[in-house]
Amino acid sequence: MAEHGTFVWNELNTWDVETAKAFYAATLGWSFEGMDMGTLTYWVARVGGTMVGGIFPLASPEFDGIPSHWFAYVEVDDVDARCGKIAAAGGKIIRPPFDIPTVGRIAIVEDPTGAVVGWMTSVPQG
């Protein structure tokens, strides 16, 4: 498992997945593997066999007004406990902790400056 407090994942949130996949395949040589998430397909980007990031499709109406952007995740030792410290430190929880099977428990938080980031307690691999 990654060390607490370190960046562990980057994800492109985009309205146009196919154009993004074509761009990164042509410019960086990435390949993509789809993961069925029930209501959407999440795309894992790879260089050779190594996972390097993901592509999350934005869809209306939940994400209306949000432009395509890269989004980062930080590994935390206990996402629920860490979220309990956010309000006292001046931040807020945008999306409370939720589970993604085989990946981990994730929360989306905002720091006091308005910057948004994901916090994740990864499922141990191996």
N, C-alpha and C. Protein backbone atom coordinates (compact mmCIF):
# COMPACT_ATOMS: atom_id res chain seq x y z
N MET A 1 0.84 -1.17 0.00
CA MET A 1 0.00 0.00 0.00
C MET A 1 0.89 1.24 0.00
N ALA A 2 0.39 2.29 -0.62
CA ALA A 2 1.15 3.55 -0.68
C ALA A 2 1.23 4.18 0.72
N GLU A 3 2.20 5.03 0.88
CA GLU A 3 2.43 5.70 2.15
C GLU A 3 1.40 6.81 2.37
N HIS A 4 0.92 6.93 3.62
CA HIS A 4 -0.02 7.98 4.00
C HIS A 4 0.52 9.35 3.59
N GLY A 5 -0.35 10.15 2.99
CA GLY A 5 0.01 11.52 2.62
C GLY A 5 0.65 11.67 1.25
N THR A 6 0.76 10.58 0.50
CA THR A 6 1.38 10.66 -0.83
C THR A 6 0.33 10.60 -1.93
N PHE A 7 0.61 11.26 -3.04
CA PHE A 7 -0.28 11.19 -4.19
C PHE A 7 -0.20 9.80 -4.81
N VAL A 8 -1.37 9.20 -5.08
CA VAL A 8 -1.38 7.81 -5.56
C VAL A 8 -2.11 7.61 -6.88
N TRP A 9 -2.89 8.57 -7.33
CA TRP A 9 -3.65 8.35 -8.56
C TRP A 9 -4.01 9.68 -9.18
N ASN A 10 -4.00 9.72 -10.50
CA ASN A 10 -4.45 10.88 -11.26
C ASN A 10 -5.50 10.43 -12.24
N GLU A 11 -6.51 11.28 -12.40
CA GLU A 11 -7.66 10.90 -13.20
C GLU A 11 -8.12 12.09 -14.04
N LEU A 12 -8.33 11.84 -15.31
CA LEU A 12 -8.90 12.85 -16.18
C LEU A 12 -10.40 12.74 -16.11
N ASN A 13 -11.06 13.82 -15.72
CA ASN A 13 -12.52 13.90 -15.73
C ASN A 13 -12.87 14.67 -16.99
N THR A 14 -13.60 14.04 -17.92
CA THR A 14 -13.83 14.67 -19.22
C THR A 14 -15.22 14.38 -19.77
N TRP A 15 -15.69 15.31 -20.59
CA TRP A 15 -16.96 15.18 -21.29
C TRP A 15 -16.79 14.36 -22.57
N ASP A 16 -15.56 14.20 -23.05
CA ASP A 16 -15.32 13.53 -24.33
C ASP A 16 -14.22 12.48 -24.18
N VAL A 17 -14.62 11.33 -23.68
CA VAL A 17 -13.67 10.26 -23.39
C VAL A 17 -12.94 9.79 -24.64
N GLU A 18 -13.64 9.60 -25.72
CA GLU A 18 -13.01 9.06 -26.93
C GLU A 18 -11.95 10.00 -27.49
N THR A 19 -12.21 11.31 -27.48
CA THR A 19 -11.21 12.27 -27.95
C THR A 19 -10.00 12.27 -27.02
N ALA A 20 -10.24 12.21 -25.72
CA ALA A 20 -9.13 12.16 -24.75
C ALA A 20 -8.30 10.91 -24.94
N LYS A 21 -8.94 9.76 -25.09
CA LYS A 21 -8.20 8.51 -25.29
C LYS A 21 -7.35 8.59 -26.56
N ALA A 22 -7.91 9.12 -27.63
CA ALA A 22 -7.16 9.24 -28.89
C ALA A 22 -5.96 10.17 -28.72
N PHE A 23 -6.15 11.29 -28.00
CA PHE A 23 -5.07 12.25 -27.78
C PHE A 23 -3.92 11.61 -27.00
N TYR A 24 -4.23 10.97 -25.87
CA TYR A 24 -3.17 10.42 -25.04
C TYR A 24 -2.53 9.18 -25.65
N ALA A 25 -3.28 8.43 -26.45
CA ALA A 25 -2.69 7.30 -27.17
C ALA A 25 -1.70 7.81 -28.21
N ALA A 26 -2.08 8.88 -28.94
CA ALA A 26 -1.22 9.42 -30.00
C ALA A 26 0.00 10.15 -29.46
N THR A 27 -0.15 10.84 -28.33
CA THR A 27 0.95 11.67 -27.83
C THR A 27 1.83 10.98 -26.79
N LEU A 28 1.24 10.11 -25.95
CA LEU A 28 2.01 9.45 -24.88
C LEU A 28 2.11 7.95 -25.04
N GLY A 29 1.41 7.40 -26.02
CA GLY A 29 1.45 5.97 -26.24
C GLY A 29 0.63 5.16 -25.24
N TRP A 30 -0.30 5.82 -24.55
CA TRP A 30 -1.11 5.11 -23.58
C TRP A 30 -2.08 4.15 -24.27
N SER A 31 -2.36 3.04 -23.62
CA SER A 31 -3.45 2.15 -24.02
C SER A 31 -4.49 2.22 -22.91
N PHE A 32 -5.70 1.73 -23.19
CA PHE A 32 -6.80 1.88 -22.24
C PHE A 32 -7.55 0.58 -22.07
N GLU A 33 -7.96 0.34 -20.84
CA GLU A 33 -8.75 -0.83 -20.48
C GLU A 33 -10.00 -0.34 -19.77
N GLY A 34 -11.18 -0.72 -20.29
CA GLY A 34 -12.44 -0.31 -19.69
C GLY A 34 -12.79 -1.13 -18.48
N MET A 35 -13.33 -0.47 -17.45
CA MET A 35 -13.84 -1.12 -16.26
C MET A 35 -15.31 -0.78 -16.12
N ASP A 36 -16.19 -1.77 -16.16
CA ASP A 36 -17.62 -1.53 -16.01
C ASP A 36 -17.92 -1.13 -14.57
N MET A 37 -18.45 0.07 -14.40
CA MET A 37 -18.79 0.57 -13.07
C MET A 37 -20.31 0.61 -12.87
N GLY A 38 -21.03 -0.16 -13.64
CA GLY A 38 -22.48 -0.20 -13.52
C GLY A 38 -23.15 0.80 -14.44
N THR A 39 -23.11 2.07 -14.06
CA THR A 39 -23.75 3.11 -14.86
C THR A 39 -22.80 3.78 -15.85
N LEU A 40 -21.52 3.45 -15.77
CA LEU A 40 -20.54 4.06 -16.67
C LEU A 40 -19.35 3.14 -16.84
N THR A 41 -18.53 3.43 -17.83
CA THR A 41 -17.26 2.73 -18.01
C THR A 41 -16.14 3.66 -17.60
N TYR A 42 -15.32 3.21 -16.67
CA TYR A 42 -14.12 3.93 -16.23
C TYR A 42 -12.97 3.37 -17.04
N TRP A 43 -12.09 4.23 -17.53
CA TRP A 43 -10.97 3.80 -18.38
C TRP A 43 -9.66 3.91 -17.63
N VAL A 44 -8.94 2.81 -17.50
CA VAL A 44 -7.61 2.79 -16.88
C VAL A 44 -6.59 2.98 -18.00
N ALA A 45 -5.73 3.98 -17.83
CA ALA A 45 -4.66 4.24 -18.79
C ALA A 45 -3.42 3.45 -18.38
N ARG A 46 -2.74 2.89 -19.38
CA ARG A 46 -1.55 2.08 -19.12
C ARG A 46 -0.41 2.47 -20.04
N VAL A 47 0.81 2.32 -19.51
CA VAL A 47 2.02 2.36 -20.31
C VAL A 47 2.60 0.96 -20.16
N GLY A 48 2.55 0.20 -21.24
CA GLY A 48 2.91 -1.22 -21.11
C GLY A 48 1.91 -1.85 -20.17
N GLY A 49 2.38 -2.55 -19.17
CA GLY A 49 1.49 -3.16 -18.20
C GLY A 49 1.23 -2.32 -16.96
N THR A 50 1.81 -1.12 -16.89
CA THR A 50 1.71 -0.29 -15.70
C THR A 50 0.53 0.68 -15.78
N MET A 51 -0.32 0.67 -14.76
CA MET A 51 -1.41 1.64 -14.68
C MET A 51 -0.83 3.01 -14.35
N VAL A 52 -1.20 4.02 -15.13
CA VAL A 52 -0.66 5.36 -14.92
C VAL A 52 -1.72 6.40 -14.60
N GLY A 53 -2.99 6.06 -14.75
CA GLY A 53 -4.06 7.01 -14.48
C GLY A 53 -5.38 6.47 -14.98
N GLY A 54 -6.39 7.30 -14.88
CA GLY A 54 -7.71 6.89 -15.31
C GLY A 54 -8.44 8.00 -16.02
N ILE A 55 -9.52 7.62 -16.69
CA ILE A 55 -10.41 8.58 -17.33
C ILE A 55 -11.82 8.32 -16.83
N PHE A 56 -12.41 9.36 -16.24
CA PHE A 56 -13.76 9.30 -15.71
C PHE A 56 -14.65 10.15 -16.60
N PRO A 57 -15.73 9.56 -17.14
CA PRO A 57 -16.62 10.33 -18.01
C PRO A 57 -17.57 11.23 -17.22
N LEU A 58 -17.52 12.53 -17.50
CA LEU A 58 -18.47 13.46 -16.91
C LEU A 58 -19.80 13.33 -17.65
N ALA A 59 -20.90 13.48 -16.94
CA ALA A 59 -22.22 13.36 -17.56
C ALA A 59 -23.20 14.31 -16.87
N SER A 60 -24.17 14.78 -17.63
CA SER A 60 -25.22 15.66 -17.09
C SER A 60 -26.22 14.82 -16.30
N PRO A 61 -26.93 15.41 -15.38
CA PRO A 61 -26.82 16.80 -14.93
C PRO A 61 -25.85 16.99 -13.77
N GLU A 62 -25.35 15.87 -13.22
CA GLU A 62 -24.52 15.93 -12.02
C GLU A 62 -23.30 16.82 -12.16
N PHE A 63 -22.69 16.86 -13.34
CA PHE A 63 -21.44 17.60 -13.51
C PHE A 63 -21.59 18.83 -14.40
N ASP A 64 -22.81 19.25 -14.69
CA ASP A 64 -23.02 20.44 -15.53
C ASP A 64 -22.21 21.62 -15.00
N GLY A 65 -21.56 22.33 -15.91
CA GLY A 65 -20.78 23.50 -15.55
C GLY A 65 -19.35 23.21 -15.14
N ILE A 66 -18.99 21.95 -15.01
CA ILE A 66 -17.62 21.58 -14.61
C ILE A 66 -16.84 21.27 -15.89
N PRO A 67 -15.74 21.97 -16.13
CA PRO A 67 -14.95 21.69 -17.33
C PRO A 67 -14.11 20.41 -17.15
N SER A 68 -13.67 19.85 -18.24
CA SER A 68 -12.75 18.72 -18.18
C SER A 68 -11.51 19.15 -17.40
N HIS A 69 -10.97 18.24 -16.58
CA HIS A 69 -9.82 18.58 -15.74
C HIS A 69 -9.16 17.31 -15.23
N TRP A 70 -7.90 17.45 -14.84
CA TRP A 70 -7.18 16.37 -14.16
C TRP A 70 -7.47 16.47 -12.68
N PHE A 71 -7.63 15.31 -12.02
CA PHE A 71 -7.97 15.25 -10.61
C PHE A 71 -7.01 14.28 -9.91
N ALA A 72 -6.49 14.68 -8.75
CA ALA A 72 -5.51 13.86 -8.02
C ALA A 72 -6.10 13.27 -6.75
N TYR A 73 -5.53 12.12 -6.36
CA TYR A 73 -5.92 11.43 -5.13
C TYR A 73 -4.70 11.25 -4.23
N VAL A 74 -4.92 11.46 -2.92
CA VAL A 74 -3.88 11.29 -1.91
C VAL A 74 -4.25 10.09 -1.04
N GLU A 75 -3.27 9.22 -0.81
CA GLU A 75 -3.47 8.07 0.08
C GLU A 75 -3.54 8.56 1.53
N VAL A 76 -4.53 8.07 2.27
CA VAL A 76 -4.63 8.37 3.71
C VAL A 76 -4.83 7.05 4.45
N ASP A 77 -4.37 7.02 5.69
CA ASP A 77 -4.42 5.79 6.47
C ASP A 77 -5.84 5.36 6.84
N ASP A 78 -6.76 6.32 7.03
CA ASP A 78 -8.14 6.02 7.40
C ASP A 78 -9.00 7.18 6.93
N VAL A 79 -9.61 7.02 5.76
CA VAL A 79 -10.34 8.13 5.16
C VAL A 79 -11.47 8.63 6.06
N ASP A 80 -12.15 7.74 6.77
CA ASP A 80 -13.24 8.18 7.64
C ASP A 80 -12.70 9.03 8.80
N ALA A 81 -11.65 8.57 9.45
CA ALA A 81 -11.06 9.32 10.56
C ALA A 81 -10.50 10.66 10.09
N ARG A 82 -9.84 10.67 8.93
CA ARG A 82 -9.27 11.92 8.41
C ARG A 82 -10.37 12.91 8.06
N CYS A 83 -11.49 12.42 7.52
CA CYS A 83 -12.61 13.32 7.20
C CYS A 83 -13.19 13.96 8.46
N GLY A 84 -13.06 13.27 9.58
CA GLY A 84 -13.53 13.82 10.85
C GLY A 84 -12.75 15.04 11.30
N LYS A 85 -11.60 15.30 10.71
CA LYS A 85 -10.76 16.44 11.07
C LYS A 85 -10.92 17.64 10.14
N ILE A 86 -11.68 17.47 9.06
CA ILE A 86 -11.73 18.48 8.01
C ILE A 86 -12.38 19.79 8.47
N ALA A 87 -13.56 19.73 9.07
CA ALA A 87 -14.28 20.95 9.45
C ALA A 87 -13.46 21.80 10.42
N ALA A 88 -12.85 21.17 11.43
CA ALA A 88 -12.05 21.91 12.41
C ALA A 88 -10.84 22.58 11.78
N ALA A 89 -10.36 22.03 10.65
CA ALA A 89 -9.20 22.59 9.97
C ALA A 89 -9.60 23.61 8.89
N GLY A 90 -10.91 23.87 8.76
CA GLY A 90 -11.36 24.90 7.82
C GLY A 90 -11.77 24.39 6.45
N GLY A 91 -11.79 23.07 6.27
CA GLY A 91 -12.18 22.51 4.98
C GLY A 91 -13.61 22.00 5.00
N LYS A 92 -14.00 21.33 3.91
CA LYS A 92 -15.33 20.72 3.89
C LYS A 92 -15.31 19.46 3.04
N ILE A 93 -16.26 18.62 3.32
CA ILE A 93 -16.40 17.38 2.58
C ILE A 93 -17.35 17.62 1.42
N ILE A 94 -16.86 17.38 0.20
CA ILE A 94 -17.68 17.54 -1.00
C ILE A 94 -18.50 16.27 -1.24
N ARG A 95 -17.86 15.12 -1.09
CA ARG A 95 -18.55 13.83 -1.20
C ARG A 95 -18.04 12.95 -0.07
N PRO A 96 -18.95 12.55 0.83
CA PRO A 96 -18.53 11.72 1.97
C PRO A 96 -17.91 10.40 1.51
N PRO A 97 -17.18 9.74 2.40
CA PRO A 97 -16.52 8.48 2.03
C PRO A 97 -17.48 7.46 1.42
N PHE A 98 -16.98 6.81 0.36
CA PHE A 98 -17.72 5.77 -0.33
C PHE A 98 -16.73 4.71 -0.78
N ASP A 99 -17.23 3.52 -1.01
CA ASP A 99 -16.38 2.39 -1.38
C ASP A 99 -16.42 2.10 -2.87
N ILE A 100 -15.26 1.77 -3.43
CA ILE A 100 -15.16 1.24 -4.78
C ILE A 100 -14.51 -0.13 -4.63
N PRO A 101 -15.28 -1.20 -4.88
CA PRO A 101 -14.75 -2.55 -4.68
C PRO A 101 -13.41 -2.76 -5.40
N THR A 102 -12.51 -3.42 -4.75
CA THR A 102 -11.15 -3.76 -5.19
C THR A 102 -10.23 -2.55 -5.31
N VAL A 103 -10.74 -1.34 -5.08
CA VAL A 103 -9.92 -0.12 -5.18
C VAL A 103 -9.68 0.47 -3.80
N GLY A 104 -10.76 0.83 -3.10
CA GLY A 104 -10.61 1.41 -1.78
C GLY A 104 -11.78 2.27 -1.38
N ARG A 105 -11.58 3.02 -0.31
CA ARG A 105 -12.59 3.93 0.22
C ARG A 105 -12.12 5.35 -0.09
N ILE A 106 -13.00 6.14 -0.67
CA ILE A 106 -12.64 7.45 -1.21
C ILE A 106 -13.56 8.53 -0.66
N ALA A 107 -13.03 9.72 -0.45
CA ALA A 107 -13.81 10.92 -0.15
C ALA A 107 -13.28 12.04 -1.02
N ILE A 108 -14.15 12.97 -1.38
CA ILE A 108 -13.74 14.16 -2.12
C ILE A 108 -13.84 15.32 -1.14
N VAL A 109 -12.73 16.04 -0.96
CA VAL A 109 -12.67 17.09 0.05
C VAL A 109 -12.18 18.40 -0.57
N GLU A 110 -12.50 19.47 0.14
CA GLU A 110 -12.06 20.81 -0.28
C GLU A 110 -11.27 21.43 0.87
N ASP A 111 -10.09 21.94 0.55
CA ASP A 111 -9.30 22.59 1.60
C ASP A 111 -9.78 24.02 1.79
N PRO A 112 -9.26 24.74 2.80
CA PRO A 112 -9.74 26.10 3.07
C PRO A 112 -9.49 27.11 1.95
N THR A 113 -8.63 26.77 0.99
CA THR A 113 -8.37 27.68 -0.13
C THR A 113 -9.31 27.45 -1.29
N GLY A 114 -10.14 26.39 -1.21
CA GLY A 114 -11.07 26.06 -2.28
C GLY A 114 -10.58 24.97 -3.21
N ALA A 115 -9.36 24.46 -3.00
CA ALA A 115 -8.83 23.39 -3.83
C ALA A 115 -9.50 22.06 -3.45
N VAL A 116 -9.86 21.29 -4.47
CA VAL A 116 -10.54 20.02 -4.26
C VAL A 116 -9.59 18.88 -4.60
N VAL A 117 -9.61 17.82 -3.78
CA VAL A 117 -8.75 16.66 -3.97
C VAL A 117 -9.47 15.42 -3.45
N GLY A 118 -9.08 14.26 -3.95
CA GLY A 118 -9.61 13.02 -3.43
C GLY A 118 -8.68 12.46 -2.38
N TRP A 119 -9.26 11.90 -1.32
CA TRP A 119 -8.51 11.16 -0.32
C TRP A 119 -8.93 9.71 -0.44
N MET A 120 -7.97 8.79 -0.38
CA MET A 120 -8.28 7.39 -0.60
C MET A 120 -7.51 6.50 0.38
N THR A 121 -8.23 5.55 0.95
CA THR A 121 -7.61 4.46 1.70
C THR A 121 -7.71 3.24 0.79
N SER A 122 -6.59 2.89 0.20
CA SER A 122 -6.56 1.82 -0.81
C SER A 122 -6.78 0.44 -0.20
N VAL A 123 -7.40 -0.42 -0.98
CA VAL A 123 -7.51 -1.83 -0.61
C VAL A 123 -6.12 -2.43 -0.83
N PRO A 124 -5.58 -3.14 0.16
CA PRO A 124 -4.26 -3.77 -0.03
C PRO A 124 -4.28 -4.70 -1.25
N GLN A 125 -3.28 -4.60 -2.08
CA GLN A 125 -3.17 -5.42 -3.29
C GLN A 125 -2.17 -6.54 -3.04
N GLY A 126 -2.40 -7.65 -3.74
CA GLY A 126 -1.42 -8.71 -3.69
C GLY A 126 -1.90 -9.86 -2.95
